[in-house]
Amino acid sequence: MAGTVDDTLVLSVLRELRKESREQRELLSQFLEQLRRSSDRLESKLLGLERRQIGLEERMHSLGPDLELMIKSELLGRLTHCETIIEQTLSSRLAETQARPD
């Protein structure tokens, strides 16, 4: 009789272990599926960012000549303005010098 009780106890413990093992496998399977989905989402987001970056690089490259022209125009405009002020200042000082009686 003691052998039967021990066998029954061992069988119930084995059943519980199998049940726990099955539950753990199911949880692990669910975890791996979630991990795969997360990885797929991350990969698609990274691809989207990469496409955006390429688009921005292409746009910057195409705007390069226009930006260069704008900067040169601005600098030349300011240089011309400075030259005009210098010429006006020199002309007025020259006129003052010539208007003075010696």
N, C-alpha and C. Protein backbone atom coordinates (compact mmCIF):
# COMPACT_ATOMS: atom_id res chain seq x y z
N MET A 1 0.81 -1.18 0.00
CA MET A 1 0.00 0.00 0.00
C MET A 1 0.86 1.26 0.00
N ALA A 2 1.97 1.23 0.71
CA ALA A 2 2.85 2.38 0.76
C ALA A 2 3.42 2.66 -0.62
N GLY A 3 3.70 1.60 -1.40
CA GLY A 3 4.20 1.77 -2.76
C GLY A 3 3.19 2.43 -3.64
N THR A 4 1.92 2.12 -3.45
CA THR A 4 0.86 2.71 -4.27
C THR A 4 0.71 4.19 -3.96
N VAL A 5 0.81 4.55 -2.69
CA VAL A 5 0.70 5.96 -2.28
C VAL A 5 1.88 6.73 -2.84
N ASP A 6 3.07 6.13 -2.74
CA ASP A 6 4.26 6.79 -3.28
C ASP A 6 4.16 6.94 -4.79
N ASP A 7 3.68 5.91 -5.46
CA ASP A 7 3.53 5.98 -6.92
C ASP A 7 2.51 7.06 -7.30
N THR A 8 1.42 7.12 -6.57
CA THR A 8 0.38 8.12 -6.84
C THR A 8 0.94 9.53 -6.61
N LEU A 9 1.70 9.69 -5.54
CA LEU A 9 2.30 10.99 -5.23
C LEU A 9 3.30 11.38 -6.32
N VAL A 10 4.13 10.44 -6.72
CA VAL A 10 5.11 10.70 -7.78
C VAL A 10 4.40 11.07 -9.08
N LEU A 11 3.33 10.34 -9.41
CA LEU A 11 2.58 10.65 -10.63
C LEU A 11 1.95 12.04 -10.58
N SER A 12 1.42 12.42 -9.44
CA SER A 12 0.80 13.75 -9.33
C SER A 12 1.87 14.84 -9.42
N VAL A 13 3.02 14.59 -8.83
CA VAL A 13 4.12 15.56 -8.93
C VAL A 13 4.59 15.67 -10.38
N LEU A 14 4.71 14.56 -11.05
CA LEU A 14 5.12 14.58 -12.47
C LEU A 14 4.10 15.33 -13.32
N ARG A 15 2.83 15.12 -13.05
CA ARG A 15 1.78 15.83 -13.80
C ARG A 15 1.89 17.34 -13.57
N GLU A 16 2.11 17.72 -12.33
CA GLU A 16 2.27 19.15 -12.02
C GLU A 16 3.50 19.73 -12.72
N LEU A 17 4.59 18.97 -12.71
CA LEU A 17 5.80 19.43 -13.39
C LEU A 17 5.58 19.58 -14.90
N ARG A 18 4.87 18.62 -15.49
CA ARG A 18 4.57 18.71 -16.93
C ARG A 18 3.69 19.94 -17.21
N LYS A 19 2.71 20.14 -16.33
CA LYS A 19 1.81 21.29 -16.51
C LYS A 19 2.60 22.60 -16.43
N GLU A 20 3.45 22.72 -15.42
CA GLU A 20 4.27 23.92 -15.27
C GLU A 20 5.21 24.08 -16.46
N SER A 21 5.79 22.99 -16.91
CA SER A 21 6.69 23.04 -18.06
C SER A 21 5.95 23.50 -19.30
N ARG A 22 4.74 22.99 -19.51
CA ARG A 22 3.91 23.40 -20.66
C ARG A 22 3.57 24.89 -20.57
N GLU A 23 3.21 25.35 -19.38
CA GLU A 23 2.89 26.77 -19.19
C GLU A 23 4.11 27.65 -19.46
N GLN A 24 5.26 27.20 -19.00
CA GLN A 24 6.48 27.97 -19.23
C GLN A 24 6.82 28.02 -20.72
N ARG A 25 6.62 26.91 -21.42
CA ARG A 25 6.86 26.90 -22.87
C ARG A 25 5.92 27.85 -23.58
N GLU A 26 4.65 27.87 -23.15
CA GLU A 26 3.68 28.78 -23.75
C GLU A 26 4.06 30.23 -23.50
N LEU A 27 4.47 30.53 -22.26
CA LEU A 27 4.89 31.89 -21.94
C LEU A 27 6.13 32.29 -22.74
N LEU A 28 7.06 31.37 -22.86
CA LEU A 28 8.27 31.64 -23.64
C LEU A 28 7.92 31.87 -25.11
N SER A 29 7.01 31.08 -25.63
CA SER A 29 6.57 31.24 -27.01
C SER A 29 5.91 32.60 -27.22
N GLN A 30 5.06 33.01 -26.28
CA GLN A 30 4.42 34.33 -26.36
C GLN A 30 5.46 35.45 -26.29
N PHE A 31 6.41 35.28 -25.39
CA PHE A 31 7.47 36.28 -25.25
C PHE A 31 8.27 36.41 -26.54
N LEU A 32 8.64 35.29 -27.13
CA LEU A 32 9.40 35.31 -28.38
C LEU A 32 8.61 35.95 -29.51
N GLU A 33 7.31 35.70 -29.56
CA GLU A 33 6.46 36.31 -30.58
C GLU A 33 6.42 37.83 -30.40
N GLN A 34 6.27 38.28 -29.17
CA GLN A 34 6.26 39.72 -28.90
C GLN A 34 7.61 40.34 -29.26
N LEU A 35 8.67 39.63 -28.94
CA LEU A 35 10.00 40.12 -29.27
C LEU A 35 10.19 40.23 -30.78
N ARG A 36 9.69 39.25 -31.53
CA ARG A 36 9.78 39.29 -32.99
C ARG A 36 8.99 40.47 -33.55
N ARG A 37 7.78 40.68 -33.02
CA ARG A 37 6.96 41.80 -33.48
C ARG A 37 7.64 43.14 -33.18
N SER A 38 8.18 43.26 -31.99
CA SER A 38 8.89 44.49 -31.62
C SER A 38 10.08 44.73 -32.53
N SER A 39 10.79 43.66 -32.82
CA SER A 39 11.94 43.76 -33.71
C SER A 39 11.51 44.19 -35.10
N ASP A 40 10.42 43.63 -35.60
CA ASP A 40 9.91 44.02 -36.92
C ASP A 40 9.51 45.48 -36.95
N ARG A 41 8.83 45.94 -35.88
CA ARG A 41 8.40 47.36 -35.83
C ARG A 41 9.62 48.27 -35.79
N LEU A 42 10.59 47.90 -34.98
CA LEU A 42 11.81 48.71 -34.88
C LEU A 42 12.52 48.77 -36.22
N GLU A 43 12.61 47.65 -36.88
CA GLU A 43 13.29 47.61 -38.19
C GLU A 43 12.56 48.49 -39.20
N SER A 44 11.24 48.45 -39.20
CA SER A 44 10.49 49.28 -40.16
C SER A 44 10.66 50.76 -39.84
N LYS A 45 10.70 51.11 -38.55
CA LYS A 45 10.93 52.50 -38.17
C LYS A 45 12.33 52.95 -38.58
N LEU A 46 13.31 52.09 -38.39
CA LEU A 46 14.68 52.45 -38.78
C LEU A 46 14.78 52.63 -40.29
N LEU A 47 14.10 51.78 -41.05
CA LEU A 47 14.10 51.94 -42.50
C LEU A 47 13.45 53.26 -42.90
N GLY A 48 12.37 53.62 -42.22
CA GLY A 48 11.71 54.89 -42.50
C GLY A 48 12.63 56.07 -42.21
N LEU A 49 13.34 56.00 -41.09
CA LEU A 49 14.29 57.06 -40.75
C LEU A 49 15.42 57.14 -41.77
N GLU A 50 15.89 55.99 -42.21
CA GLU A 50 16.96 55.97 -43.21
C GLU A 50 16.49 56.60 -44.52
N ARG A 51 15.27 56.30 -44.92
CA ARG A 51 14.72 56.91 -46.15
C ARG A 51 14.60 58.42 -45.99
N ARG A 52 14.15 58.85 -44.82
CA ARG A 52 14.04 60.29 -44.56
C ARG A 52 15.40 60.96 -44.64
N GLN A 53 16.41 60.33 -44.03
CA GLN A 53 17.75 60.90 -44.04
C GLN A 53 18.27 61.00 -45.47
N ILE A 54 18.04 59.99 -46.26
CA ILE A 54 18.48 60.02 -47.66
C ILE A 54 17.78 61.15 -48.39
N GLY A 55 16.47 61.30 -48.14
CA GLY A 55 15.72 62.38 -48.78
C GLY A 55 16.26 63.75 -48.39
N LEU A 56 16.59 63.92 -47.10
CA LEU A 56 17.15 65.19 -46.64
C LEU A 56 18.52 65.46 -47.25
N GLU A 57 19.33 64.41 -47.33
CA GLU A 57 20.65 64.58 -47.94
C GLU A 57 20.53 64.97 -49.40
N GLU A 58 19.61 64.34 -50.11
CA GLU A 58 19.41 64.69 -51.52
C GLU A 58 18.92 66.13 -51.65
N ARG A 59 18.01 66.51 -50.76
CA ARG A 59 17.49 67.89 -50.81
C ARG A 59 18.59 68.90 -50.52
N MET A 60 19.42 68.63 -49.50
CA MET A 60 20.52 69.54 -49.18
C MET A 60 21.50 69.63 -50.34
N HIS A 61 21.75 68.49 -50.97
CA HIS A 61 22.66 68.48 -52.11
C HIS A 61 22.09 69.32 -53.26
N SER A 62 20.79 69.20 -53.49
CA SER A 62 20.18 69.96 -54.60
C SER A 62 20.08 71.45 -54.26
N LEU A 63 20.01 71.80 -52.97
CA LEU A 63 19.93 73.20 -52.58
C LEU A 63 21.29 73.86 -52.47
N GLY A 64 22.35 73.07 -52.52
CA GLY A 64 23.71 73.60 -52.37
C GLY A 64 24.02 74.77 -53.29
N PRO A 65 23.85 74.63 -54.60
CA PRO A 65 24.16 75.75 -55.49
C PRO A 65 23.30 76.99 -55.22
N ASP A 66 22.03 76.79 -54.89
CA ASP A 66 21.16 77.94 -54.59
C ASP A 66 21.62 78.65 -53.32
N LEU A 67 21.97 77.87 -52.30
CA LEU A 67 22.45 78.46 -51.05
C LEU A 67 23.77 79.21 -51.28
N GLU A 68 24.64 78.63 -52.09
CA GLU A 68 25.91 79.28 -52.39
C GLU A 68 25.68 80.62 -53.07
N LEU A 69 24.78 80.65 -54.03
CA LEU A 69 24.46 81.89 -54.74
C LEU A 69 23.86 82.93 -53.79
N MET A 70 22.97 82.49 -52.91
CA MET A 70 22.35 83.42 -51.96
C MET A 70 23.39 84.02 -51.02
N ILE A 71 24.30 83.20 -50.53
CA ILE A 71 25.32 83.68 -49.61
C ILE A 71 26.27 84.65 -50.32
N LYS A 72 26.68 84.29 -51.53
CA LYS A 72 27.57 85.18 -52.29
C LYS A 72 26.88 86.52 -52.56
N SER A 73 25.61 86.47 -52.94
CA SER A 73 24.87 87.70 -53.21
C SER A 73 24.79 88.57 -51.96
N GLU A 74 24.50 87.96 -50.84
CA GLU A 74 24.41 88.71 -49.58
C GLU A 74 25.76 89.33 -49.23
N LEU A 75 26.82 88.55 -49.35
CA LEU A 75 28.14 89.07 -49.02
C LEU A 75 28.57 90.19 -49.98
N LEU A 76 28.31 90.00 -51.26
CA LEU A 76 28.67 91.04 -52.21
C LEU A 76 27.84 92.30 -52.00
N GLY A 77 26.58 92.14 -51.63
CA GLY A 77 25.74 93.30 -51.32
C GLY A 77 26.27 94.08 -50.14
N ARG A 78 26.68 93.37 -49.12
CA ARG A 78 27.23 94.04 -47.93
C ARG A 78 28.57 94.70 -48.26
N LEU A 79 29.38 94.02 -49.06
CA LEU A 79 30.67 94.59 -49.46
C LEU A 79 30.46 95.87 -50.27
N THR A 80 29.51 95.84 -51.17
CA THR A 80 29.20 97.02 -51.98
C THR A 80 28.72 98.16 -51.08
N HIS A 81 27.89 97.84 -50.11
CA HIS A 81 27.40 98.86 -49.17
C HIS A 81 28.57 99.48 -48.40
N CYS A 82 29.49 98.64 -47.93
CA CYS A 82 30.67 99.15 -47.21
C CYS A 82 31.52 100.05 -48.12
N GLU A 83 31.71 99.64 -49.35
CA GLU A 83 32.49 100.45 -50.29
C GLU A 83 31.82 101.80 -50.52
N THR A 84 30.49 101.80 -50.62
CA THR A 84 29.75 103.05 -50.82
C THR A 84 29.94 103.97 -49.63
N ILE A 85 29.85 103.45 -48.43
CA ILE A 85 30.03 104.27 -47.22
C ILE A 85 31.45 104.82 -47.16
N ILE A 86 32.44 104.01 -47.50
CA ILE A 86 33.83 104.46 -47.49
C ILE A 86 34.02 105.58 -48.53
N GLU A 87 33.48 105.38 -49.71
CA GLU A 87 33.59 106.40 -50.76
C GLU A 87 32.93 107.70 -50.33
N GLN A 88 31.74 107.63 -49.72
CA GLN A 88 31.04 108.82 -49.27
C GLN A 88 31.82 109.53 -48.17
N THR A 89 32.39 108.74 -47.25
CA THR A 89 33.17 109.33 -46.16
C THR A 89 34.41 110.00 -46.72
N LEU A 90 35.10 109.33 -47.63
CA LEU A 90 36.30 109.92 -48.22
C LEU A 90 35.97 111.18 -49.03
N SER A 91 34.87 111.13 -49.76
CA SER A 91 34.46 112.30 -50.54
C SER A 91 34.13 113.47 -49.64
N SER A 92 33.42 113.24 -48.56
CA SER A 92 33.07 114.33 -47.65
C SER A 92 34.29 114.89 -46.96
N ARG A 93 35.22 114.04 -46.57
CA ARG A 93 36.45 114.53 -45.92
C ARG A 93 37.33 115.29 -46.91
N LEU A 94 37.35 114.80 -48.14
CA LEU A 94 38.12 115.49 -49.18
C LEU A 94 37.51 116.86 -49.45
N ALA A 95 36.18 116.93 -49.47
CA ALA A 95 35.50 118.21 -49.69
C ALA A 95 35.76 119.15 -48.53
N GLU A 96 35.76 118.62 -47.29
CA GLU A 96 36.06 119.45 -46.11
C GLU A 96 37.49 119.98 -46.19
N THR A 97 38.40 119.12 -46.59
CA THR A 97 39.81 119.52 -46.66
C THR A 97 40.00 120.59 -47.73
N GLN A 98 39.33 120.45 -48.84
CA GLN A 98 39.46 121.42 -49.92
C GLN A 98 38.75 122.73 -49.59
N ALA A 99 37.72 122.68 -48.78
CA ALA A 99 36.97 123.89 -48.43
C ALA A 99 37.67 124.71 -47.36
N ARG A 100 38.60 124.20 -46.67
CA ARG A 100 39.32 124.93 -45.61
C ARG A 100 40.26 125.94 -46.23
N PRO A 101 40.22 127.09 -45.64
CA PRO A 101 41.23 128.05 -46.13
C PRO A 101 42.59 127.69 -45.55
N ASP A 102 43.56 127.79 -46.36
CA ASP A 102 44.93 127.45 -45.91
C ASP A 102 45.54 128.50 -45.11
